[in-house]
């Protein structure tokens, strides 16, 4: 299970959160849940 630092934060049409470095071998990651629809060709 990934541990987030704080809660998901709203930003434009998405949310983001930071993943705790201990869950990723010492690397701080940012997780982005983008709710924007993918454009169709």
PDB file of N, CA and C in Angstrom:
ATOM      1  N   UNK A   1       0.841  -1.182   0.000  1.00  0.00           N
ATOM      2  CA  UNK A   1       0.000   0.000   0.000  1.00  0.00           C
ATOM      3  C   UNK A   1       0.884   1.242   0.000  1.00  0.00           C
ATOM      4  N   UNK A   2       0.585   2.177  -0.870  1.00  0.00           N
ATOM      5  CA  UNK A   2       1.342   3.417  -0.914  1.00  0.00           C
ATOM      6  C   UNK A   2       0.852   4.357   0.181  1.00  0.00           C
ATOM      7  N   UNK A   3       1.799   4.990   0.823  1.00  0.00           N
ATOM      8  CA  UNK A   3       1.460   5.979   1.848  1.00  0.00           C
ATOM      9  C   UNK A   3       1.626   7.362   1.241  1.00  0.00           C
ATOM     10  N   UNK A   4       0.562   8.131   1.285  1.00  0.00           N
ATOM     11  CA  UNK A   4       0.607   9.492   0.782  1.00  0.00           C
ATOM     12  C   UNK A   4       0.989  10.445   1.900  1.00  0.00           C
ATOM     13  N   UNK A   5       1.642  11.534   1.528  1.00  0.00           N
ATOM     14  CA  UNK A   5       1.953  12.593   2.479  1.00  0.00           C
ATOM     15  C   UNK A   5       0.794  13.579   2.404  1.00  0.00           C
ATOM     16  N   UNK A   6      -0.027  13.619   3.431  1.00  0.00           N
ATOM     17  CA  UNK A   6      -1.227  14.462   3.421  1.00  0.00           C
ATOM     18  C   UNK A   6      -2.327  13.831   2.578  1.00  0.00           C
ATOM     19  N   UNK A   7      -3.301  14.620   2.217  1.00  0.00           N
ATOM     20  CA  UNK A   7      -4.424  14.151   1.409  1.00  0.00           C
ATOM     21  C   UNK A   7      -4.233  14.575  -0.040  1.00  0.00           C
ATOM     22  N   UNK A   8      -5.082  14.029  -0.919  1.00  0.00           N
ATOM     23  CA  UNK A   8      -5.069  14.464  -2.312  1.00  0.00           C
ATOM     24  C   UNK A   8      -5.511  15.925  -2.372  1.00  0.00           C
ATOM     25  N   UNK A   9      -4.825  16.692  -3.189  1.00  0.00           N
ATOM     26  CA  UNK A   9      -5.113  18.129  -3.303  1.00  0.00           C
ATOM     27  C   UNK A   9      -5.702  18.413  -4.682  1.00  0.00           C
ATOM     28  N   UNK A  10      -6.773  19.180  -4.754  1.00  0.00           N
ATOM     29  CA  UNK A  10      -7.352  19.516  -6.057  1.00  0.00           C
ATOM     30  C   UNK A  10      -6.454  20.490  -6.814  1.00  0.00           C
ATOM     31  N   UNK A  11      -6.380  20.311  -8.123  1.00  0.00           N
ATOM     32  CA  UNK A  11      -5.639  21.219  -8.994  1.00  0.00           C
ATOM     33  C   UNK A  11      -6.252  21.151 -10.379  1.00  0.00           C
ATOM     34  N   UNK A  12      -6.847  22.238 -10.826  1.00  0.00           N
ATOM     35  CA  UNK A  12      -7.535  22.313 -12.116  1.00  0.00           C
ATOM     36  C   UNK A  12      -8.521  21.161 -12.243  1.00  0.00           C
ATOM     37  N   UNK A  13      -8.370  20.284 -13.250  1.00  0.00           N
ATOM     38  CA  UNK A  13      -9.300  19.164 -13.445  1.00  0.00           C
ATOM     39  C   UNK A  13      -8.735  17.851 -12.921  1.00  0.00           C
ATOM     40  N   UNK A  14      -7.846  17.911 -11.931  1.00  0.00           N
ATOM     41  CA  UNK A  14      -7.248  16.677 -11.420  1.00  0.00           C
ATOM     42  C   UNK A  14      -6.994  16.823  -9.920  1.00  0.00           C
ATOM     43  N   UNK A  15      -6.417  15.784  -9.348  1.00  0.00           N
ATOM     44  CA  UNK A  15      -5.982  15.799  -7.958  1.00  0.00           C
ATOM     45  C   UNK A  15      -4.557  15.275  -7.928  1.00  0.00           C
ATOM     46  N   UNK A  16      -3.769  15.716  -6.936  1.00  0.00           N
ATOM     47  CA  UNK A  16      -2.426  15.194  -6.816  1.00  0.00           C
ATOM     48  C   UNK A  16      -2.092  14.943  -5.350  1.00  0.00           C
ATOM     49  N   UNK A  17      -1.160  14.036  -5.135  1.00  0.00           N
ATOM     50  CA  UNK A  17      -0.675  13.738  -3.789  1.00  0.00           C
ATOM     51  C   UNK A  17       0.770  13.285  -3.909  1.00  0.00           C
ATOM     52  N   UNK A  18       1.506  13.403  -2.824  1.00  0.00           N
ATOM     53  CA  UNK A  18       2.887  12.951  -2.799  1.00  0.00           C
ATOM     54  C   UNK A  18       2.957  11.593  -2.117  1.00  0.00           C
ATOM     55  N   UNK A  19       3.786  10.687  -2.662  1.00  0.00           N
ATOM     56  CA  UNK A  19       3.973   9.350  -2.099  1.00  0.00           C
ATOM     57  C   UNK A  19       5.173   9.405  -1.157  1.00  0.00           C
ATOM     58  N   UNK A  20       5.029   8.808   0.007  1.00  0.00           N
ATOM     59  CA  UNK A  20       6.087   8.811   1.012  1.00  0.00           C
ATOM     60  C   UNK A  20       7.336   8.117   0.463  1.00  0.00           C
ATOM     61  N   UNK A  21       8.533   8.706   0.656  1.00  0.00           N
ATOM     62  CA  UNK A  21       9.758   8.121   0.108  1.00  0.00           C
ATOM     63  C   UNK A  21      10.057   6.699   0.577  1.00  0.00           C
ATOM     64  N   UNK A  22       9.633   6.325   1.774  1.00  0.00           N
ATOM     65  CA  UNK A  22       9.887   4.962   2.254  1.00  0.00           C
ATOM     66  C   UNK A  22       9.124   3.920   1.432  1.00  0.00           C
ATOM     67  N   UNK A  23       8.042   4.338   0.781  1.00  0.00           N
ATOM     68  CA  UNK A  23       7.259   3.403  -0.043  1.00  0.00           C
ATOM     69  C   UNK A  23       7.871   3.234  -1.435  1.00  0.00           C
ATOM     70  N   UNK A  24       8.849   4.071  -1.787  1.00  0.00           N
ATOM     71  CA  UNK A  24       9.419   4.034  -3.142  1.00  0.00           C
ATOM     72  C   UNK A  24      10.940   4.037  -3.117  1.00  0.00           C
ATOM     73  N   UNK A  25      11.542   3.297  -2.208  1.00  0.00           N
ATOM     74  CA  UNK A  25      13.001   3.181  -2.122  1.00  0.00           C
ATOM     75  C   UNK A  25      13.699   4.530  -2.007  1.00  0.00           C
ATOM     76  N   UNK A  26      13.134   5.443  -1.250  1.00  0.00           N
ATOM     77  CA  UNK A  26      13.772   6.719  -0.976  1.00  0.00           C
ATOM     78  C   UNK A  26      13.519   7.819  -1.994  1.00  0.00           C
ATOM     79  N   UNK A  27      12.629   7.586  -2.947  1.00  0.00           N
ATOM     80  CA  UNK A  27      12.337   8.586  -3.972  1.00  0.00           C
ATOM     81  C   UNK A  27      10.975   9.209  -3.696  1.00  0.00           C
ATOM     82  N   UNK A  28      10.924  10.531  -3.651  1.00  0.00           N
ATOM     83  CA  UNK A  28       9.657  11.238  -3.457  1.00  0.00           C
ATOM     84  C   UNK A  28       8.933  11.306  -4.796  1.00  0.00           C
ATOM     85  N   UNK A  29       7.739  10.747  -4.875  1.00  0.00           N
ATOM     86  CA  UNK A  29       6.959  10.747  -6.111  1.00  0.00           C
ATOM     87  C   UNK A  29       5.698  11.576  -5.940  1.00  0.00           C
ATOM     88  N   UNK A  30       5.216  12.092  -7.044  1.00  0.00           N
ATOM     89  CA  UNK A  30       3.947  12.809  -7.063  1.00  0.00           C
ATOM     90  C   UNK A  30       2.971  11.972  -7.876  1.00  0.00           C
ATOM     91  N   UNK A  31       1.803  11.676  -7.307  1.00  0.00           N
ATOM     92  CA  UNK A  31       0.764  10.897  -7.981  1.00  0.00           C
ATOM     93  C   UNK A  31      -0.302  11.872  -8.467  1.00  0.00           C
ATOM     94  N   UNK A  32      -0.617  11.806  -9.771  1.00  0.00           N
ATOM     95  CA  UNK A  32      -1.598  12.712 -10.358  1.00  0.00           C
ATOM     96  C   UNK A  32      -2.757  11.897 -10.924  1.00  0.00           C
ATOM     97  N   UNK A  33      -3.968  12.213 -10.505  1.00  0.00           N
ATOM     98  CA  UNK A  33      -5.182  11.582 -11.027  1.00  0.00           C
ATOM     99  C   UNK A  33      -5.861  12.591 -11.926  1.00  0.00           C
ATOM    100  N   UNK A  34      -5.591  12.481 -13.221  1.00  0.00           N
ATOM    101  CA  UNK A  34      -6.105  13.452 -14.197  1.00  0.00           C
ATOM    102  C   UNK A  34      -7.472  12.995 -14.690  1.00  0.00           C
ATOM    103  N   UNK A  35      -8.476  13.822 -14.509  1.00  0.00           N
ATOM    104  CA  UNK A  35      -9.852  13.463 -14.890  1.00  0.00           C
ATOM    105  C   UNK A  35     -10.245  14.047 -16.245  1.00  0.00           C
ATOM    106  N   UNK A  36      -9.276  14.632 -16.953  1.00  0.00           N
ATOM    107  CA  UNK A  36      -9.546  15.224 -18.261  1.00  0.00           C
ATOM    108  C   UNK A  36      -9.786  14.117 -19.290  1.00  0.00           C
ATOM    109  N   UNK A  37     -10.782  14.307 -20.140  1.00  0.00           N
ATOM    110  CA  UNK A  37     -11.060  13.320 -21.169  1.00  0.00           C
ATOM    111  C   UNK A  37      -9.974  13.350 -22.236  1.00  0.00           C
ATOM    112  N   UNK A  38      -9.629  12.170 -22.736  1.00  0.00           N
ATOM    113  CA  UNK A  38      -8.616  12.059 -23.779  1.00  0.00           C
ATOM    114  C   UNK A  38      -9.230  12.486 -25.096  1.00  0.00           C
ATOM    115  N   UNK A  39      -8.567  13.395 -25.824  1.00  0.00           N
ATOM    116  CA  UNK A  39      -9.134  13.827 -27.110  1.00  0.00           C
ATOM    117  C   UNK A  39      -9.144  12.695 -28.123  1.00  0.00           C
ATOM    118  N   UNK A  40     -10.198  12.628 -28.910  1.00  0.00           N
ATOM    119  CA  UNK A  40     -10.301  11.591 -29.939  1.00  0.00           C
ATOM    120  C   UNK A  40      -9.852  12.172 -31.264  1.00  0.00           C
ATOM    121  N   UNK A  41      -9.145  11.375 -32.029  1.00  0.00           N
ATOM    122  CA  UNK A  41      -8.651  11.834 -33.343  1.00  0.00           C
ATOM    123  C   UNK A  41      -9.765  12.025 -34.336  1.00  0.00           C
TER     124      UNK A  41
END
